[in-house]
N, C-alpha and C. Protein backbone atom coordinates (compact mmCIF):
# COMPACT_ATOMS: atom_id res chain seq x y z
N UNK A 1 -14.63 51.02 30.06
CA UNK A 1 -12.89 51.06 30.33
C UNK A 1 -12.69 52.34 29.08
N UNK A 2 -12.34 53.24 29.62
CA UNK A 2 -11.93 54.48 28.87
C UNK A 2 -10.41 54.07 28.24
N UNK A 3 -10.17 54.26 26.92
CA UNK A 3 -8.98 53.92 26.47
C UNK A 3 -8.15 55.14 26.75
N UNK A 4 -6.85 54.97 27.02
CA UNK A 4 -6.01 55.93 27.34
C UNK A 4 -5.39 56.39 25.80
N UNK A 5 -5.02 57.81 25.86
CA UNK A 5 -4.45 58.75 24.53
C UNK A 5 -2.78 58.20 24.88
N UNK A 6 -2.28 58.45 23.78
CA UNK A 6 -0.84 57.90 23.82
C UNK A 6 -0.05 58.88 24.81
N UNK A 7 -0.26 60.22 24.84
CA UNK A 7 0.56 60.85 25.63
C UNK A 7 0.24 60.47 27.15
N UNK A 8 -0.84 60.09 27.76
CA UNK A 8 -1.52 59.59 28.85
C UNK A 8 -0.66 58.20 29.23
N UNK A 9 -0.47 57.44 28.05
CA UNK A 9 -0.03 56.35 28.39
C UNK A 9 1.50 56.37 28.49
N UNK A 10 2.08 57.22 27.67
CA UNK A 10 3.72 57.54 27.74
C UNK A 10 3.99 58.07 28.98
N UNK A 11 3.11 58.81 29.77
CA UNK A 11 3.37 59.13 31.08
C UNK A 11 3.16 58.35 31.97
N UNK A 12 2.28 57.48 31.98
CA UNK A 12 2.47 56.23 32.75
C UNK A 12 3.58 55.24 32.82
N UNK A 13 4.02 55.15 31.52
CA UNK A 13 5.06 54.19 31.64
C UNK A 13 6.25 54.99 31.90
N UNK A 14 6.43 56.15 32.04
CA UNK A 14 7.57 57.03 32.42
C UNK A 14 7.55 57.06 33.96
N UNK A 15 6.44 57.01 34.43
CA UNK A 15 6.05 57.06 35.92
C UNK A 15 6.64 55.72 36.62
N UNK A 16 6.01 54.73 35.87
CA UNK A 16 6.33 53.24 36.31
C UNK A 16 8.21 53.09 36.40
N UNK A 17 8.86 53.64 35.23
CA UNK A 17 10.50 53.82 35.37
C UNK A 17 10.91 54.38 36.70
N UNK A 18 10.22 55.53 36.99
CA UNK A 18 10.60 56.38 38.09
C UNK A 18 10.61 55.40 39.41
N UNK A 19 9.43 54.99 39.38
CA UNK A 19 9.09 53.96 40.43
C UNK A 19 10.14 52.51 40.51
N UNK A 20 10.56 52.41 39.62
CA UNK A 20 11.03 50.84 39.62
C UNK A 20 12.77 51.62 39.67
N UNK A 21 12.92 53.07 40.01
CA UNK A 21 14.18 53.46 40.06
C UNK A 21 15.42 53.25 38.84
N UNK A 22 14.54 53.18 37.69
CA UNK A 22 15.20 53.07 36.41
C UNK A 22 15.30 54.58 35.99
N UNK A 23 14.52 55.43 36.32
CA UNK A 23 14.70 56.97 35.86
C UNK A 23 14.77 57.74 37.04
N UNK A 24 15.40 58.92 37.05
CA UNK A 24 15.44 59.92 38.24
C UNK A 24 14.69 60.95 37.91
N UNK A 25 13.55 61.41 38.87
CA UNK A 25 12.73 62.60 38.49
C UNK A 25 13.39 64.08 38.75
N UNK A 26 14.09 64.09 37.63
CA UNK A 26 14.90 65.58 37.50
C UNK A 26 14.12 66.36 36.95
N UNK A 27 14.68 67.67 36.80
CA UNK A 27 13.92 68.90 35.94
C UNK A 27 13.56 68.47 34.37
N UNK A 28 14.27 67.92 33.87
CA UNK A 28 14.17 67.50 32.19
C UNK A 28 12.88 66.49 32.52
N UNK A 29 12.79 65.53 33.22
CA UNK A 29 11.73 64.68 33.30
C UNK A 29 10.51 65.43 33.69
N UNK A 30 10.23 66.19 34.76
CA UNK A 30 9.19 67.02 35.25
C UNK A 30 8.80 67.86 34.01
N UNK A 31 9.65 68.43 33.46
CA UNK A 31 9.19 69.36 31.92
C UNK A 31 8.58 68.37 30.67
N UNK A 32 9.07 67.12 30.49
CA UNK A 32 8.48 66.11 29.95
C UNK A 32 7.10 66.13 30.22
N UNK A 33 6.92 65.38 31.55
CA UNK A 33 5.77 65.27 32.35
C UNK A 33 4.71 66.41 31.87
N UNK A 34 5.07 67.45 32.05
CA UNK A 34 4.19 68.68 31.86
C UNK A 34 3.94 68.81 30.42
N UNK A 35 4.70 68.70 29.43
CA UNK A 35 4.58 68.56 28.10
C UNK A 35 3.52 67.58 27.75
N UNK A 36 3.75 66.22 28.37
CA UNK A 36 2.92 65.38 27.94
C UNK A 36 1.52 65.63 28.40
N UNK A 37 1.19 66.20 29.50
CA UNK A 37 -0.14 66.57 30.30
C UNK A 37 -0.80 67.49 29.51
N UNK A 38 0.04 68.41 28.91
CA UNK A 38 -0.48 69.45 27.92
C UNK A 38 -0.97 68.73 26.90
N UNK A 39 -0.24 67.83 26.04
CA UNK A 39 -0.77 67.20 24.89
C UNK A 39 -1.83 66.41 25.01
N UNK A 40 -1.90 65.63 26.27
CA UNK A 40 -3.09 64.69 26.55
C UNK A 40 -4.26 65.95 26.82
N UNK A 41 -4.13 66.74 27.26
CA UNK A 41 -5.12 67.68 27.71
C UNK A 41 -5.97 68.10 26.39
N UNK A 42 -4.91 68.46 25.31
CA UNK A 42 -5.51 68.55 23.85
C UNK A 42 -6.16 67.53 23.38
N UNK A 43 -5.58 66.37 23.43
CA UNK A 43 -6.00 65.12 22.80
C UNK A 43 -7.63 64.93 23.39
N UNK A 44 -7.69 64.83 24.66
CA UNK A 44 -8.93 64.82 25.51
C UNK A 44 -10.04 66.02 24.80
N UNK A 45 -9.55 67.21 24.83
CA UNK A 45 -10.46 68.19 24.02
C UNK A 45 -10.93 67.92 22.56
N UNK A 46 -9.91 67.34 21.87
CA UNK A 46 -10.34 67.25 20.46
C UNK A 46 -11.14 65.85 20.33
N UNK A 47 -10.97 64.98 21.18
CA UNK A 47 -11.91 63.65 21.46
C UNK A 47 -13.18 64.13 21.36
N UNK A 48 -13.13 64.88 22.71
CA UNK A 48 -14.88 65.41 23.02
C UNK A 48 -15.28 66.35 21.95
N UNK A 49 -14.64 67.10 21.18
CA UNK A 49 -14.99 67.73 20.02
C UNK A 49 -15.39 66.80 18.90
N UNK A 50 -14.85 65.80 18.57
CA UNK A 50 -15.24 65.00 17.65
C UNK A 50 -16.77 64.17 17.97
N UNK A 51 -16.55 63.81 19.38
CA UNK A 51 -17.86 63.20 19.64
C UNK A 51 -18.97 63.72 19.84
N UNK A 52 -18.93 65.33 19.96
CA UNK A 52 -19.95 66.37 19.98
C UNK A 52 -20.38 66.35 18.56
N UNK A 53 -19.16 66.60 17.51
CA UNK A 53 -19.78 66.74 16.14
C UNK A 53 -20.43 65.58 15.84
N UNK A 54 -20.07 64.20 15.99
CA UNK A 54 -20.71 63.05 15.72
C UNK A 54 -22.29 62.85 16.04
N UNK A 55 -22.31 63.36 17.37
CA UNK A 55 -23.86 63.41 17.75
C UNK A 55 -24.58 64.38 17.05
N UNK A 56 -24.19 65.55 16.87
CA UNK A 56 -25.01 66.46 16.19
C UNK A 56 -25.09 65.92 14.79
N UNK A 57 -24.30 65.49 14.09
CA UNK A 57 -24.68 64.86 12.52
C UNK A 57 -25.54 63.83 12.80
N UNK A 58 -25.62 62.66 13.82
CA UNK A 58 -26.72 61.79 13.93
C UNK A 58 -28.04 62.48 14.29
N UNK A 59 -27.82 63.65 15.24
CA UNK A 59 -29.24 64.09 15.27
C UNK A 59 -29.83 64.80 14.02
N UNK A 60 -29.06 65.49 13.25
CA UNK A 60 -29.22 66.26 12.26
C UNK A 60 -29.86 65.13 11.20
N UNK A 61 -29.74 63.76 11.19
CA UNK A 61 -30.35 63.09 9.96
C UNK A 61 -31.69 62.69 10.20
């Protein structure tokens, strides 16, 4: 099971609140979703870079 990053988890929670009609999907919320997705993409990129660097370091030993 792949762990979710904080931005992905926050987006999931907000989507749940929209589904439960506790939030309305307005322009501000769509902007927040876009920013969370952008942040999540950066987190995933850094996680992959860290994994790659760890593998290189293990293979260098």
